[in-house]
Amino acid sequence: MKTRNLLLSAGLLGAALALPFTAGAYDSRVHYADVTQVIPIKEMQRVSYPSRECRDEQVVHREGGLQGRGGMLVGGAVGGLAGSRFGGGRGQTAATVAGTLLGATVGDQLTRTPERSYTTTERVCHNVDRWYDEERTVGYRVQYRFRGDTYWTEMDYHPGDTIRVRQDVTPLG
């Protein structure tokens, strides 16, 4: 088993070393070329940024009596229930009617009481999107010299003083 793995490894190594020397093989080598000019490629872009806007607002608060006929209805129901607890027969009916009328009158008076109101100043804030146009660099047009010849390419980043280039050699047959 160990011998077989050793032979397999030696065979793969030999094939890898012999590959560049085979006739008609493709040859590719990496070199460095001097950058002679870099021109930024610019575009106008619309950019948003969130902002928080706040302002002071006057807020009216109300407290006090009931609104509408709700007080009369609630007072009548409570008064009728209380009146039905007294007496018996016709006396109980009379007490129920009297309690209903008295409760409705008291409930109605509660709705007629003036409500109390006061004003406060509250800070109200909300988020808004602000927009502006901005010129942004989206790439670079790069001129470089390699073995006496001048070439141009476009890159996503600034290359610095040198760039890596691949020189390919393929035999013509």
C-alpha atoms as a PDB file:
ATOM      1  CA  MET A   1       0.000   0.000   0.000  1.00  0.00           C
ATOM      2  CA  LYS A   2       2.777   2.427   0.944  1.00  0.00           C
ATOM      3  CA  THR A   3       4.730   1.468  -2.163  1.00  0.00           C
ATOM      4  CA  ARG A   4       1.730   2.105  -4.396  1.00  0.00           C
ATOM      5  CA  ASN A   5       1.148   5.591  -2.875  1.00  0.00           C
ATOM      6  CA  LEU A   6       4.846   6.413  -3.258  1.00  0.00           C
ATOM      7  CA  LEU A   7       4.833   5.360  -6.935  1.00  0.00           C
ATOM      8  CA  LEU A   8       1.641   7.316  -7.599  1.00  0.00           C
ATOM      9  CA  SER A   9       3.099  10.463  -5.988  1.00  0.00           C
ATOM     10  CA  ALA A  10       6.355  10.143  -7.975  1.00  0.00           C
ATOM     11  CA  GLY A  11       4.404   9.690 -11.218  1.00  0.00           C
ATOM     12  CA  LEU A  12       2.272  12.774 -10.601  1.00  0.00           C
ATOM     13  CA  LEU A  13       5.348  14.841  -9.724  1.00  0.00           C
ATOM     14  CA  GLY A  14       7.133  13.713 -12.885  1.00  0.00           C
ATOM     15  CA  ALA A  15       4.116  14.564 -15.038  1.00  0.00           C
ATOM     16  CA  ALA A  16       3.836  18.000 -13.460  1.00  0.00           C
ATOM     17  CA  LEU A  17       7.529  18.730 -14.070  1.00  0.00           C
ATOM     18  CA  ALA A  18       7.431  17.497 -17.661  1.00  0.00           C
ATOM     19  CA  LEU A  19       4.260  19.430 -18.588  1.00  0.00           C
ATOM     20  CA  PRO A  20       5.960  22.762 -19.451  1.00  0.00           C
ATOM     21  CA  PHE A  21       8.423  21.020 -21.781  1.00  0.00           C
ATOM     22  CA  THR A  22       5.906  19.226 -23.976  1.00  0.00           C
ATOM     23  CA  ALA A  23       5.936  20.256 -27.630  1.00  0.00           C
ATOM     24  CA  GLY A  24       3.251  22.759 -28.633  1.00  0.00           C
ATOM     25  CA  ALA A  25       2.379  23.558 -24.999  1.00  0.00           C
ATOM     26  CA  TYR A  26       0.737  26.804 -23.982  1.00  0.00           C
ATOM     27  CA  ASP A  27       3.126  29.008 -21.979  1.00  0.00           C
ATOM     28  CA  SER A  28       1.891  31.704 -19.633  1.00  0.00           C
ATOM     29  CA  ARG A  29       4.124  33.759 -17.350  1.00  0.00           C
ATOM     30  CA  VAL A  30       3.352  36.575 -14.925  1.00  0.00           C
ATOM     31  CA  HIS A  31       5.442  39.780 -15.146  1.00  0.00           C
ATOM     32  CA  TYR A  32       5.273  43.301 -13.769  1.00  0.00           C
ATOM     33  CA  ALA A  33       4.739  46.360 -15.979  1.00  0.00           C
ATOM     34  CA  ASP A  34       5.313  50.021 -15.103  1.00  0.00           C
ATOM     35  CA  VAL A  35       2.174  52.152 -14.821  1.00  0.00           C
ATOM     36  CA  THR A  36       2.624  55.389 -16.776  1.00  0.00           C
ATOM     37  CA  GLN A  37      -0.781  57.024 -16.353  1.00  0.00           C
ATOM     38  CA  VAL A  38      -3.919  56.528 -14.235  1.00  0.00           C
ATOM     39  CA  ILE A  39      -7.152  58.362 -15.124  1.00  0.00           C
ATOM     40  CA  PRO A  40     -10.088  58.055 -12.709  1.00  0.00           C
ATOM     41  CA  ILE A  41     -13.421  57.116 -14.312  1.00  0.00           C
ATOM     42  CA  LYS A  42     -16.086  59.241 -12.625  1.00  0.00           C
ATOM     43  CA  GLU A  43     -19.879  59.093 -12.584  1.00  0.00           C
ATOM     44  CA  MET A  44     -22.516  61.287 -10.986  1.00  0.00           C
ATOM     45  CA  GLN A  45     -24.568  59.271  -8.533  1.00  0.00           C
ATOM     46  CA  ARG A  46     -27.646  60.227  -6.555  1.00  0.00           C
ATOM     47  CA  VAL A  47     -27.028  59.482  -2.880  1.00  0.00           C
ATOM     48  CA  SER A  48     -29.556  59.421  -0.067  1.00  0.00           C
ATOM     49  CA  TYR A  49     -28.859  59.924   3.575  1.00  0.00           C
ATOM     50  CA  PRO A  50     -31.422  59.633   6.358  1.00  0.00           C
ATOM     51  CA  SER A  51     -32.128  62.672   8.458  1.00  0.00           C
ATOM     52  CA  ARG A  52     -34.319  63.251  11.514  1.00  0.00           C
ATOM     53  CA  GLU A  53     -36.520  66.348  11.520  1.00  0.00           C
ATOM     54  CA  CYS A  54     -38.054  67.608  14.753  1.00  0.00           C
ATOM     55  CA  ARG A  55     -40.406  70.466  15.575  1.00  0.00           C
ATOM     56  CA  ASP A  56     -42.358  71.686  18.574  1.00  0.00           C
ATOM     57  CA  GLU A  57     -46.159  71.353  18.344  1.00  0.00           C
ATOM     58  CA  GLN A  58     -48.925  72.667  20.587  1.00  0.00           C
ATOM     59  CA  VAL A  59     -51.113  69.779  21.840  1.00  0.00           C
ATOM     60  CA  VAL A  60     -54.469  70.378  23.560  1.00  0.00           C
ATOM     61  CA  HIS A  61     -55.379  67.880  26.301  1.00  0.00           C
ATOM     62  CA  ARG A  62     -58.978  67.572  27.543  1.00  0.00           C
ATOM     63  CA  GLU A  63     -60.203  66.150  30.827  1.00  0.00           C
ATOM     64  CA  GLY A  64     -63.597  66.175  32.453  1.00  0.00           C
ATOM     65  CA  GLY A  65     -67.228  65.283  31.707  1.00  0.00           C
ATOM     66  CA  LEU A  66     -68.564  62.570  29.500  1.00  0.00           C
ATOM     67  CA  GLN A  67     -69.461  63.283  25.892  1.00  0.00           C
ATOM     68  CA  GLY A  68     -72.900  62.834  24.291  1.00  0.00           C
ATOM     69  CA  ARG A  69     -75.754  60.907  25.944  1.00  0.00           C
ATOM     70  CA  GLY A  70     -73.522  58.226  27.425  1.00  0.00           C
ATOM     71  CA  GLY A  71     -73.749  59.718  30.937  1.00  0.00           C
ATOM     72  CA  MET A  72     -77.563  59.697  30.896  1.00  0.00           C
ATOM     73  CA  LEU A  73     -77.668  56.084  29.727  1.00  0.00           C
ATOM     74  CA  VAL A  74     -75.072  54.840  32.194  1.00  0.00           C
ATOM     75  CA  GLY A  75     -76.646  56.827  35.074  1.00  0.00           C
ATOM     76  CA  GLY A  76     -80.119  55.492  34.236  1.00  0.00           C
ATOM     77  CA  ALA A  77     -78.916  51.881  34.151  1.00  0.00           C
ATOM     78  CA  VAL A  78     -77.051  52.192  37.469  1.00  0.00           C
ATOM     79  CA  GLY A  79     -79.970  54.063  39.136  1.00  0.00           C
ATOM     80  CA  GLY A  80     -82.523  51.493  37.898  1.00  0.00           C
ATOM     81  CA  LEU A  81     -80.393  48.624  39.193  1.00  0.00           C
ATOM     82  CA  ALA A  82     -80.024  50.310  42.584  1.00  0.00           C
ATOM     83  CA  GLY A  83     -83.774  51.139  42.804  1.00  0.00           C
ATOM     84  CA  SER A  84     -84.778  47.537  42.034  1.00  0.00           C
ATOM     85  CA  ARG A  85     -83.161  46.426  45.302  1.00  0.00           C
ATOM     86  CA  PHE A  86     -85.789  48.202  47.412  1.00  0.00           C
ATOM     87  CA  GLY A  87     -89.365  47.247  48.205  1.00  0.00           C
ATOM     88  CA  GLY A  88     -91.521  44.542  46.716  1.00  0.00           C
ATOM     89  CA  GLY A  89     -94.285  44.369  44.084  1.00  0.00           C
ATOM     90  CA  ARG A  90     -95.495  47.804  43.000  1.00  0.00           C
ATOM     91  CA  GLY A  91     -93.136  49.477  45.462  1.00  0.00           C
ATOM     92  CA  GLN A  92     -90.181  47.769  43.855  1.00  0.00           C
ATOM     93  CA  THR A  93     -91.348  48.900  40.392  1.00  0.00           C
ATOM     94  CA  ALA A  94     -91.774  52.467  41.635  1.00  0.00           C
ATOM     95  CA  ALA A  95     -88.287  52.373  43.238  1.00  0.00           C
ATOM     96  CA  THR A  96     -86.814  51.057  39.984  1.00  0.00           C
ATOM     97  CA  VAL A  97     -88.461  53.841  37.927  1.00  0.00           C
ATOM     98  CA  ALA A  98     -87.400  56.478  40.465  1.00  0.00           C
ATOM     99  CA  GLY A  99     -83.814  55.142  40.506  1.00  0.00           C
ATOM    100  CA  THR A 100     -83.683  55.143  36.705  1.00  0.00           C
ATOM    101  CA  LEU A 101     -84.906  58.751  36.462  1.00  0.00           C
ATOM    102  CA  LEU A 102     -82.628  59.960  39.237  1.00  0.00           C
ATOM    103  CA  GLY A 103     -79.591  58.118  37.757  1.00  0.00           C
ATOM    104  CA  ALA A 104     -80.307  59.469  34.234  1.00  0.00           C
ATOM    105  CA  THR A 105     -80.551  63.025  35.597  1.00  0.00           C
ATOM    106  CA  VAL A 106     -77.263  62.727  37.521  1.00  0.00           C
ATOM    107  CA  GLY A 107     -75.540  61.113  34.524  1.00  0.00           C
ATOM    108  CA  ASP A 108     -76.798  63.858  32.219  1.00  0.00           C
ATOM    109  CA  GLN A 109     -75.467  66.526  34.596  1.00  0.00           C
ATOM    110  CA  LEU A 110     -72.042  64.875  34.498  1.00  0.00           C
ATOM    111  CA  THR A 111     -71.971  65.204  30.724  1.00  0.00           C
ATOM    112  CA  ARG A 112     -72.882  68.861  30.994  1.00  0.00           C
ATOM    113  CA  THR A 113     -69.994  69.706  33.301  1.00  0.00           C
ATOM    114  CA  PRO A 114     -67.429  71.719  31.440  1.00  0.00           C
ATOM    115  CA  GLU A 115     -64.345  69.810  30.583  1.00  0.00           C
ATOM    116  CA  ARG A 116     -60.990  71.075  31.658  1.00  0.00           C
ATOM    117  CA  SER A 117     -58.394  71.575  28.935  1.00  0.00           C
ATOM    118  CA  TYR A 118     -54.761  72.554  28.924  1.00  0.00           C
ATOM    119  CA  THR A 119     -52.079  72.950  26.262  1.00  0.00           C
ATOM    120  CA  THR A 120     -48.570  71.525  26.259  1.00  0.00           C
ATOM    121  CA  THR A 121     -45.696  71.829  23.830  1.00  0.00           C
ATOM    122  CA  GLU A 122     -44.418  68.467  22.614  1.00  0.00           C
ATOM    123  CA  ARG A 123     -41.441  67.669  20.428  1.00  0.00           C
ATOM    124  CA  VAL A 124     -42.520  65.657  17.352  1.00  0.00           C
ATOM    125  CA  CYS A 125     -39.842  63.954  15.209  1.00  0.00           C
ATOM    126  CA  HIS A 126     -39.878  61.873  12.034  1.00  0.00           C
ATOM    127  CA  ASN A 127     -37.304  60.444   9.634  1.00  0.00           C
ATOM    128  CA  VAL A 128     -36.862  61.886   6.140  1.00  0.00           C
ATOM    129  CA  ASP A 129     -34.556  60.968   3.270  1.00  0.00           C
ATOM    130  CA  ARG A 130     -32.327  63.724   1.966  1.00  0.00           C
ATOM    131  CA  TRP A 131     -30.762  63.425  -1.505  1.00  0.00           C
ATOM    132  CA  TYR A 132     -27.718  64.933  -3.148  1.00  0.00           C
ATOM    133  CA  ASP A 133     -25.689  64.303  -6.294  1.00  0.00           C
ATOM    134  CA  GLU A 134     -22.110  63.210  -5.824  1.00  0.00           C
ATOM    135  CA  GLU A 135     -19.308  62.497  -8.253  1.00  0.00           C
ATOM    136  CA  ARG A 136     -17.834  59.095  -7.440  1.00  0.00           C
ATOM    137  CA  THR A 137     -14.871  57.213  -8.862  1.00  0.00           C
ATOM    138  CA  VAL A 138     -16.147  53.938 -10.328  1.00  0.00           C
ATOM    139  CA  GLY A 139     -12.896  52.679 -11.866  1.00  0.00           C
ATOM    140  CA  TYR A 140      -9.564  53.643 -13.447  1.00  0.00           C
ATOM    141  CA  ARG A 141      -8.279  53.826 -17.011  1.00  0.00           C
ATOM    142  CA  VAL A 142      -4.659  52.650 -16.714  1.00  0.00           C
ATOM    143  CA  GLN A 143      -1.800  53.084 -19.189  1.00  0.00           C
ATOM    144  CA  TYR A 144       1.229  50.834 -18.742  1.00  0.00           C
ATOM    145  CA  ARG A 145       4.448  49.948 -20.578  1.00  0.00           C
ATOM    146  CA  PHE A 146       5.584  46.389 -21.055  1.00  0.00           C
ATOM    147  CA  ARG A 147       8.758  45.562 -22.981  1.00  0.00           C
ATOM    148  CA  GLY A 148       8.732  48.849 -24.904  1.00  0.00           C
ATOM    149  CA  ASP A 149       5.046  48.796 -25.884  1.00  0.00           C
ATOM    150  CA  THR A 150       2.240  50.892 -24.371  1.00  0.00           C
ATOM    151  CA  TYR A 151      -1.100  49.333 -23.409  1.00  0.00           C
ATOM    152  CA  TRP A 152      -4.374  50.512 -21.839  1.00  0.00           C
ATOM    153  CA  THR A 153      -6.746  48.674 -19.507  1.00  0.00           C
ATOM    154  CA  GLU A 154      -9.559  49.479 -17.094  1.00  0.00           C
ATOM    155  CA  MET A 155      -9.418  48.426 -13.456  1.00  0.00           C
ATOM    156  CA  ASP A 156     -11.768  48.622 -10.460  1.00  0.00           C
ATOM    157  CA  TYR A 157      -8.995  49.847  -8.167  1.00  0.00           C
ATOM    158  CA  HIS A 158      -5.990  52.190  -8.360  1.00  0.00           C
ATOM    159  CA  PRO A 159      -3.069  49.983  -9.430  1.00  0.00           C
ATOM    160  CA  GLY A 160      -0.156  51.862  -7.875  1.00  0.00           C
ATOM    161  CA  ASP A 161       3.233  52.069  -9.668  1.00  0.00           C
ATOM    162  CA  THR A 162       3.189  48.600 -11.259  1.00  0.00           C
ATOM    163  CA  ILE A 163       0.638  46.045 -12.361  1.00  0.00           C
ATOM    164  CA  ARG A 164       0.866  42.326 -12.900  1.00  0.00           C
ATOM    165  CA  VAL A 165       0.533  41.226 -16.514  1.00  0.00           C
ATOM    166  CA  ARG A 166       0.387  37.801 -18.035  1.00  0.00           C
ATOM    167  CA  GLN A 167       2.481  37.131 -21.130  1.00  0.00           C
ATOM    168  CA  ASP A 168       1.080  34.260 -23.166  1.00  0.00           C
ATOM    169  CA  VAL A 169       3.043  32.384 -25.795  1.00  0.00           C
ATOM    170  CA  THR A 170       1.336  29.886 -28.057  1.00  0.00           C
ATOM    171  CA  PRO A 171       3.243  28.217 -30.906  1.00  0.00           C
ATOM    172  CA  LEU A 172       1.877  28.806 -34.369  1.00  0.00           C
ATOM    173  CA  GLY A 173       1.676  25.599 -36.143  1.00  0.00           C
END
